[in-house]
Protein backbone atom coordinates (compact mmCIF):
# COMPACT_ATOMS: atom_id res chain seq x y z
CA UNK A 1 34.00 12.05 16.02
CA UNK A 2 33.34 8.41 16.67
CA UNK A 3 30.22 8.60 14.48
CA UNK A 4 32.16 10.11 11.59
CA UNK A 5 34.71 7.36 11.92
CA UNK A 6 32.01 4.68 11.92
CA UNK A 7 30.32 6.27 8.89
CA UNK A 8 33.64 6.44 6.96
CA UNK A 9 34.32 2.78 7.97
CA UNK A 10 30.87 1.73 6.74
CA UNK A 11 31.44 3.49 3.44
CA UNK A 12 34.84 1.94 3.12
CA UNK A 13 33.47 -1.53 3.88
CA UNK A 14 30.88 -0.98 1.16
CA UNK A 15 33.67 -0.20 -1.19
CA UNK A 16 32.58 3.39 -1.88
CA UNK A 17 34.84 5.30 0.51
CA UNK A 18 31.93 7.63 1.09
CA UNK A 19 30.24 7.92 4.46
CA UNK A 20 27.21 5.74 4.84
CA UNK A 21 23.89 7.51 5.35
CA UNK A 22 20.82 5.37 6.03
CA UNK A 23 18.55 8.20 4.73
CA UNK A 24 20.23 7.98 1.28
CA UNK A 25 19.12 4.39 0.71
CA UNK A 26 16.25 4.01 -1.74
CA UNK A 27 14.34 1.78 0.60
CA UNK A 28 14.49 4.37 3.29
CA UNK A 29 13.32 7.18 0.93
CA UNK A 30 10.48 5.05 -0.44
CA UNK A 31 9.44 3.98 3.06
CA UNK A 32 9.46 7.61 4.31
CA UNK A 33 7.24 8.71 1.41
CA UNK A 34 4.92 5.75 1.92
CA UNK A 35 4.63 6.42 5.62
CA UNK A 36 3.89 10.12 4.94
CA UNK A 37 1.29 9.41 2.34
CA UNK A 38 -0.17 6.71 4.49
CA UNK A 39 -0.61 9.00 7.43
CA UNK A 40 -2.26 11.60 5.20
CA UNK A 41 -4.55 8.91 3.80
CA UNK A 42 -5.42 7.78 7.32
CA UNK A 43 -6.28 11.41 8.32
CA UNK A 44 -8.53 11.65 5.34
CA UNK A 45 -10.18 8.29 6.03
CA UNK A 46 -10.82 9.35 9.58
CA UNK A 47 -12.10 12.81 8.61
CA UNK A 48 -14.36 11.64 5.71
CA UNK A 49 -15.66 8.29 7.07
CA UNK A 50 -14.31 7.53 10.54
CA UNK A 51 -12.24 4.68 9.05
CA UNK A 52 -8.70 3.46 9.77
CA UNK A 53 -6.25 3.23 6.93
CA UNK A 54 -6.68 -0.54 6.64
CA UNK A 55 -10.40 -0.13 6.48
CA UNK A 56 -10.08 2.60 3.86
CA UNK A 57 -7.77 0.45 1.68
CA UNK A 58 -10.17 -2.46 1.85
CA UNK A 59 -13.07 -0.22 0.89
CA UNK A 60 -11.17 1.29 -2.00
CA UNK A 61 -10.12 -2.05 -3.31
CA UNK A 62 -13.67 -3.47 -3.17
CA UNK A 63 -15.13 -0.36 -4.70
CA UNK A 64 -12.74 -0.28 -7.63
CA UNK A 65 -12.21 -3.97 -8.29
CA UNK A 66 -15.68 -5.27 -7.36
CA UNK A 67 -16.89 -8.02 -5.04
CA UNK A 68 -14.33 -10.69 -4.21
CA UNK A 69 -13.38 -13.32 -1.63
CA UNK A 70 -10.94 -12.91 1.22
CA UNK A 71 -8.08 -14.66 -0.58
CA UNK A 72 -8.47 -12.45 -3.71
CA UNK A 73 -8.75 -9.37 -1.46
CA UNK A 74 -5.50 -10.49 0.38
CA UNK A 75 -3.68 -10.85 -2.91
CA UNK A 76 -4.94 -7.59 -4.22
CA UNK A 77 -3.85 -5.75 -1.05
CA UNK A 78 -0.79 -7.84 -0.26
CA UNK A 79 -2.06 -8.32 3.35
CA UNK A 80 -2.50 -11.42 5.39
CA UNK A 81 -5.90 -13.28 5.74
CA UNK A 82 -6.52 -12.69 9.47
CA UNK A 83 -5.98 -8.98 9.06
CA UNK A 84 -8.35 -8.76 6.05
CA UNK A 85 -10.99 -10.88 7.81
CA UNK A 86 -10.95 -8.65 10.95
CA UNK A 87 -11.11 -5.49 8.77
CA UNK A 88 -14.05 -6.92 6.73
CA UNK A 89 -15.89 -7.72 9.94
CA UNK A 90 -15.53 -4.13 11.16
CA UNK A 91 -16.68 -2.77 7.80
CA UNK A 92 -19.73 -5.02 7.87
CA UNK A 93 -20.51 -3.80 11.37
CA UNK A 94 -20.48 -0.23 10.03
CA UNK A 95 -22.79 -1.10 7.11
CA UNK A 96 -20.13 -0.38 4.43
CA UNK A 97 -19.54 -3.95 3.28
CA UNK A 98 -21.88 -6.88 2.78
CA UNK A 99 -21.20 -10.56 2.25
CA UNK A 100 -22.89 -13.16 0.19
CA UNK A 101 -22.34 -16.79 -0.87
CA UNK A 102 -20.27 -17.09 -4.04
CA UNK A 103 -22.49 -18.04 -6.97
CA UNK A 104 -19.85 -20.51 -8.32
CA UNK A 105 -18.92 -22.09 -4.92
CA UNK A 106 -21.42 -21.88 -2.09
CA UNK A 107 -18.68 -22.74 0.43
CA UNK A 108 -17.00 -19.43 -0.33
CA UNK A 109 -18.06 -15.92 0.79
CA UNK A 110 -17.60 -12.85 -1.35
CA UNK A 111 -17.63 -9.31 -0.04
CA UNK A 112 -18.69 -6.11 -1.74
CA UNK A 113 -19.40 -2.52 -0.84
CA UNK A 114 -22.90 -1.47 0.06
CA UNK A 115 -24.48 1.63 -1.50
CA UNK A 116 -23.34 3.57 1.56
CA UNK A 117 -19.89 2.08 1.24
CA UNK A 118 -19.66 2.96 -2.44
CA UNK A 119 -20.57 6.59 -1.65
CA UNK A 120 -17.87 6.84 1.00
CA UNK A 121 -15.37 5.07 -1.22
CA UNK A 122 -15.98 7.64 -4.01
CA UNK A 123 -15.25 10.47 -1.57
CA UNK A 124 -12.09 8.69 -0.27
CA UNK A 125 -10.85 7.95 -3.74
CA UNK A 126 -11.26 11.63 -4.68
CA UNK A 127 -9.14 12.56 -1.67
CA UNK A 128 -6.53 9.99 -2.73
CA UNK A 129 -6.40 11.46 -6.18
CA UNK A 130 -5.96 14.93 -4.76
CA UNK A 131 -3.01 13.66 -2.65
CA UNK A 132 -1.47 12.03 -5.73
CA UNK A 133 -1.80 15.27 -7.71
CA UNK A 134 -0.17 17.21 -4.82
CA UNK A 135 2.74 14.84 -4.36
CA UNK A 136 3.44 14.86 -8.16
CA UNK A 137 3.15 18.57 -8.41
CA UNK A 138 5.96 20.07 -10.50
CA UNK A 139 6.51 16.86 -12.50
CA UNK A 140 5.71 16.92 -16.10
CA UNK A 141 3.51 14.21 -17.69
CA UNK A 142 6.62 12.61 -19.18
CA UNK A 143 8.34 12.62 -15.78
CA UNK A 144 5.27 11.10 -14.17
CA UNK A 145 5.27 8.24 -16.63
CA UNK A 146 9.00 7.80 -16.23
CA UNK A 147 8.60 7.69 -12.46
CA UNK A 148 5.84 5.13 -12.69
CA UNK A 149 7.98 2.97 -15.03
CA UNK A 150 11.11 3.26 -12.73
CA UNK A 151 9.10 2.33 -9.66
CA UNK A 152 7.55 -0.65 -11.53
CA UNK A 153 11.08 -1.79 -12.53
CA UNK A 154 12.32 -1.38 -8.97
CA UNK A 155 9.32 -3.37 -7.71
CA UNK A 156 10.12 -6.14 -10.24
CA UNK A 157 13.71 -6.25 -9.11
CA UNK A 158 12.69 -6.35 -5.47
CA UNK A 159 10.21 -9.18 -6.15
CA UNK A 160 12.94 -11.13 -7.97
CA UNK A 161 15.32 -10.61 -5.02
CA UNK A 162 12.60 -11.82 -2.61
CA UNK A 163 11.89 -14.89 -4.71
CA UNK A 164 15.54 -15.70 -4.85
CA UNK A 165 15.91 -15.31 -1.03
CA UNK A 166 12.90 -17.58 -0.48
CA UNK A 167 14.29 -20.13 -2.92
CA UNK A 168 17.60 -20.28 -1.04
CA UNK A 169 15.85 -20.99 2.32
CA UNK A 170 13.86 -23.90 0.92
């Protein structure tokens, strides 16, 4: 009874009059989907290559985008530098990634997949594409394009909100 009263109060405070449900928020739904797909991806990464999800994501990024430095990899994956550096070190220890001096700036190191890493990445990417087909099952091609466009618009809006929040704290 108290919970129903709090839900009604939350809805009223939001101006909707409807009870508030956390699980109905877009952020919650997207997070839940992301967490589910991430756990399936991690299971595949473990099964195929004995990799963690972060290692798999690093491998897939390098395999599809080519060799790059740590900062470019951080930007591509939206992950912090210390995390990427530790992940690259583990991948090097496994013989899946190699490093070399950048041809344009010898002070910088670039990382790329080894032949063994590329073979594993191909298998992991195939699994990722299978997961994507399965999660999109039942959607027409037009619905898939529309979903992609809507998600891109939502990401743009969220980025704009984040930028505005950062600007107000400066």
